[in-house]
Amino acid sequence: MDNQKKRSYTGRLTGRFRKLIDFTGRYERKEEIILRDYLAIERTKLANERTLLSYIRASLYLVIGGIAFLGMKELEEIKHVGFASLGISITMLVIGIIRFYQLNRQLDKLYLPFKGEIKKD
């Protein structure tokens, strides 16, 4: 998909649906990047990775809880809680992965052209 088609597609996604799939805010590109900004970018990337790991950890906890609810033989009437936990786990994992890649893409788009132009304070 070329850039013009991609722009026209994202141009049509407006309103509430656009806000729903766009988890991160819009950032403005800077003219020049200094060492302090470069370090802030690195901290942001590390925080993004840490957030992804938190989503994965929470998703795994929900999977374990769902399997535990499904494995209870005495309480068959709460099996729906186990299935709901498994569904929420998958949803949470997908949302975490989407947010991770969205922020990485935005950071790369903002600061990749300036990677070689780091000025010291």
C-alpha atoms as a PDB file:
ATOM      1  CA  MET A   1       0.000   0.000   0.000  1.00  0.00           C
ATOM      2  CA  ASP A   2       1.623   3.238  -1.080  1.00  0.00           C
ATOM      3  CA  ASN A   3       1.648   6.402   1.019  1.00  0.00           C
ATOM      4  CA  GLN A   4      -1.134   8.165  -0.852  1.00  0.00           C
ATOM      5  CA  LYS A   5      -3.547   5.251  -0.413  1.00  0.00           C
ATOM      6  CA  LYS A   6      -2.553   4.950   3.220  1.00  0.00           C
ATOM      7  CA  ARG A   7      -3.187   8.669   3.791  1.00  0.00           C
ATOM      8  CA  SER A   8      -6.584   8.532   2.117  1.00  0.00           C
ATOM      9  CA  TYR A   9      -7.553   5.526   4.219  1.00  0.00           C
ATOM     10  CA  THR A  10      -6.503   7.144   7.483  1.00  0.00           C
ATOM     11  CA  GLY A  11      -8.142  10.394   6.378  1.00  0.00           C
ATOM     12  CA  ARG A  12     -11.481   8.594   6.282  1.00  0.00           C
ATOM     13  CA  LEU A  13     -11.059   7.278   9.805  1.00  0.00           C
ATOM     14  CA  THR A  14     -12.378  10.213  11.743  1.00  0.00           C
ATOM     15  CA  GLY A  15     -14.328  10.835  14.875  1.00  0.00           C
ATOM     16  CA  ARG A  16     -14.831   8.268  17.559  1.00  0.00           C
ATOM     17  CA  PHE A  17     -13.478   5.315  15.587  1.00  0.00           C
ATOM     18  CA  ARG A  18     -10.211   7.141  14.922  1.00  0.00           C
ATOM     19  CA  LYS A  19      -9.864   7.921  18.626  1.00  0.00           C
ATOM     20  CA  LEU A  20     -10.587   4.277  19.430  1.00  0.00           C
ATOM     21  CA  ILE A  21      -7.775   2.848  17.304  1.00  0.00           C
ATOM     22  CA  ASP A  22      -5.300   5.677  17.914  1.00  0.00           C
ATOM     23  CA  PHE A  23      -4.023   4.939  21.412  1.00  0.00           C
ATOM     24  CA  THR A  24      -1.209   7.455  21.382  1.00  0.00           C
ATOM     25  CA  GLY A  25      -1.370  11.192  20.864  1.00  0.00           C
ATOM     26  CA  ARG A  26       0.057  13.142  17.968  1.00  0.00           C
ATOM     27  CA  TYR A  27       3.518  14.611  18.313  1.00  0.00           C
ATOM     28  CA  GLU A  28       5.188  17.447  16.454  1.00  0.00           C
ATOM     29  CA  ARG A  29       8.567  17.077  14.816  1.00  0.00           C
ATOM     30  CA  LYS A  30      11.412  19.133  16.245  1.00  0.00           C
ATOM     31  CA  GLU A  31      13.899  21.097  14.172  1.00  0.00           C
ATOM     32  CA  GLU A  32      16.985  19.796  15.951  1.00  0.00           C
ATOM     33  CA  ILE A  33      17.641  17.188  18.583  1.00  0.00           C
ATOM     34  CA  ILE A  34      20.053  17.671  21.458  1.00  0.00           C
ATOM     35  CA  LEU A  35      21.560  15.074  23.767  1.00  0.00           C
ATOM     36  CA  ARG A  36      18.916  15.662  26.446  1.00  0.00           C
ATOM     37  CA  ASP A  37      16.157  14.961  23.907  1.00  0.00           C
ATOM     38  CA  TYR A  38      17.940  11.860  22.655  1.00  0.00           C
ATOM     39  CA  LEU A  39      18.121  10.495  26.198  1.00  0.00           C
ATOM     40  CA  ALA A  40      14.438  11.280  26.707  1.00  0.00           C
ATOM     41  CA  ILE A  41      13.639   9.307  23.553  1.00  0.00           C
ATOM     42  CA  GLU A  42      15.613   6.345  24.868  1.00  0.00           C
ATOM     43  CA  ARG A  43      13.741   6.523  28.194  1.00  0.00           C
ATOM     44  CA  THR A  44      10.458   6.611  26.299  1.00  0.00           C
ATOM     45  CA  LYS A  45      11.419   3.540  24.271  1.00  0.00           C
ATOM     46  CA  LEU A  46      12.373   1.657  27.421  1.00  0.00           C
ATOM     47  CA  ALA A  47       9.113   2.674  29.091  1.00  0.00           C
ATOM     48  CA  ASN A  48       7.241   1.477  26.010  1.00  0.00           C
ATOM     49  CA  GLU A  49       8.930  -1.932  26.241  1.00  0.00           C
ATOM     50  CA  ARG A  50       8.201  -2.089  29.964  1.00  0.00           C
ATOM     51  CA  THR A  51       4.538  -1.313  29.290  1.00  0.00           C
ATOM     52  CA  LEU A  52       4.352  -4.096  26.697  1.00  0.00           C
ATOM     53  CA  LEU A  53       5.800  -6.531  29.217  1.00  0.00           C
ATOM     54  CA  SER A  54       3.181  -5.394  31.743  1.00  0.00           C
ATOM     55  CA  TYR A  55       0.412  -6.087  29.238  1.00  0.00           C
ATOM     56  CA  ILE A  56       1.869  -9.546  28.576  1.00  0.00           C
ATOM     57  CA  ARG A  57       2.172 -10.267  32.308  1.00  0.00           C
ATOM     58  CA  ALA A  58      -1.429  -9.203  32.999  1.00  0.00           C
ATOM     59  CA  SER A  59      -2.608 -11.257  30.028  1.00  0.00           C
ATOM     60  CA  LEU A  60      -0.825 -14.344  31.331  1.00  0.00           C
ATOM     61  CA  TYR A  61      -2.348 -13.855  34.775  1.00  0.00           C
ATOM     62  CA  LEU A  62      -5.792 -13.699  33.216  1.00  0.00           C
ATOM     63  CA  VAL A  63      -5.076 -16.883  31.216  1.00  0.00           C
ATOM     64  CA  ILE A  64      -4.006 -18.674  34.399  1.00  0.00           C
ATOM     65  CA  GLY A  65      -7.114 -17.444  36.219  1.00  0.00           C
ATOM     66  CA  GLY A  66      -9.356 -18.460  33.329  1.00  0.00           C
ATOM     67  CA  ILE A  67      -7.867 -21.940  33.191  1.00  0.00           C
ATOM     68  CA  ALA A  68      -8.311 -22.256  36.961  1.00  0.00           C
ATOM     69  CA  PHE A  69     -11.985 -21.294  36.707  1.00  0.00           C
ATOM     70  CA  LEU A  70     -12.513 -23.732  33.840  1.00  0.00           C
ATOM     71  CA  GLY A  71     -10.764 -26.509  35.784  1.00  0.00           C
ATOM     72  CA  MET A  72     -13.063 -26.336  38.811  1.00  0.00           C
ATOM     73  CA  LYS A  73     -15.265 -29.423  38.706  1.00  0.00           C
ATOM     74  CA  GLU A  74     -17.364 -28.497  41.741  1.00  0.00           C
ATOM     75  CA  LEU A  75     -18.372 -25.043  40.436  1.00  0.00           C
ATOM     76  CA  GLU A  76     -19.610 -25.671  36.914  1.00  0.00           C
ATOM     77  CA  GLU A  77     -21.933 -22.641  37.040  1.00  0.00           C
ATOM     78  CA  ILE A  78     -19.022 -20.163  36.969  1.00  0.00           C
ATOM     79  CA  LYS A  79     -17.401 -21.473  33.794  1.00  0.00           C
ATOM     80  CA  HIS A  80     -18.513 -18.306  32.033  1.00  0.00           C
ATOM     81  CA  VAL A  81     -16.095 -16.362  34.256  1.00  0.00           C
ATOM     82  CA  GLY A  82     -13.246 -18.525  32.947  1.00  0.00           C
ATOM     83  CA  PHE A  83     -14.236 -17.958  29.326  1.00  0.00           C
ATOM     84  CA  ALA A  84     -14.594 -14.210  29.945  1.00  0.00           C
ATOM     85  CA  SER A  85     -11.148 -14.149  31.543  1.00  0.00           C
ATOM     86  CA  LEU A  86      -9.625 -15.872  28.506  1.00  0.00           C
ATOM     87  CA  GLY A  87     -11.361 -13.429  26.147  1.00  0.00           C
ATOM     88  CA  ILE A  88     -10.220 -10.402  28.123  1.00  0.00           C
ATOM     89  CA  SER A  89      -6.700 -11.837  28.169  1.00  0.00           C
ATOM     90  CA  ILE A  90      -6.540 -12.059  24.380  1.00  0.00           C
ATOM     91  CA  THR A  91      -8.013  -8.570  24.013  1.00  0.00           C
ATOM     92  CA  MET A  92      -5.527  -7.131  26.482  1.00  0.00           C
ATOM     93  CA  LEU A  93      -2.592  -8.762  24.696  1.00  0.00           C
ATOM     94  CA  VAL A  94      -3.710  -7.429  21.309  1.00  0.00           C
ATOM     95  CA  ILE A  95      -4.193  -3.904  22.679  1.00  0.00           C
ATOM     96  CA  GLY A  96      -0.743  -3.994  24.292  1.00  0.00           C
ATOM     97  CA  ILE A  97       0.939  -5.078  21.058  1.00  0.00           C
ATOM     98  CA  ILE A  98      -0.913  -2.454  19.023  1.00  0.00           C
ATOM     99  CA  ARG A  99       0.045   0.324  21.441  1.00  0.00           C
ATOM    100  CA  PHE A 100       3.679  -0.819  21.441  1.00  0.00           C
ATOM    101  CA  TYR A 101       3.967  -0.705  17.662  1.00  0.00           C
ATOM    102  CA  GLN A 102       2.060   2.581  17.372  1.00  0.00           C
ATOM    103  CA  LEU A 103       4.391   4.380  19.753  1.00  0.00           C
ATOM    104  CA  ASN A 104       7.491   2.841  18.179  1.00  0.00           C
ATOM    105  CA  ARG A 105       6.327   3.953  14.743  1.00  0.00           C
ATOM    106  CA  GLN A 106       5.622   7.480  15.950  1.00  0.00           C
ATOM    107  CA  LEU A 107       8.993   7.775  17.674  1.00  0.00           C
ATOM    108  CA  ASP A 108      10.788   6.498  14.583  1.00  0.00           C
ATOM    109  CA  LYS A 109       8.847   8.873  12.354  1.00  0.00           C
ATOM    110  CA  LEU A 110       9.632  11.828  14.593  1.00  0.00           C
ATOM    111  CA  TYR A 111      13.271  11.303  15.367  1.00  0.00           C
ATOM    112  CA  LEU A 112      14.734   8.913  12.795  1.00  0.00           C
ATOM    113  CA  PRO A 113      15.773  11.682  10.353  1.00  0.00           C
ATOM    114  CA  PHE A 114      17.672  13.412  13.158  1.00  0.00           C
ATOM    115  CA  LYS A 115      19.528  10.342  14.411  1.00  0.00           C
ATOM    116  CA  GLY A 116      22.913  11.525  13.116  1.00  0.00           C
ATOM    117  CA  GLU A 117      22.434  15.153  14.157  1.00  0.00           C
ATOM    118  CA  ILE A 118      22.752  14.940  17.916  1.00  0.00           C
ATOM    119  CA  LYS A 119      24.143  18.130  19.466  1.00  0.00           C
ATOM    120  CA  LYS A 120      25.608  18.265  22.952  1.00  0.00           C
ATOM    121  CA  ASP A 121      24.402  20.863  25.467  1.00  0.00           C
END
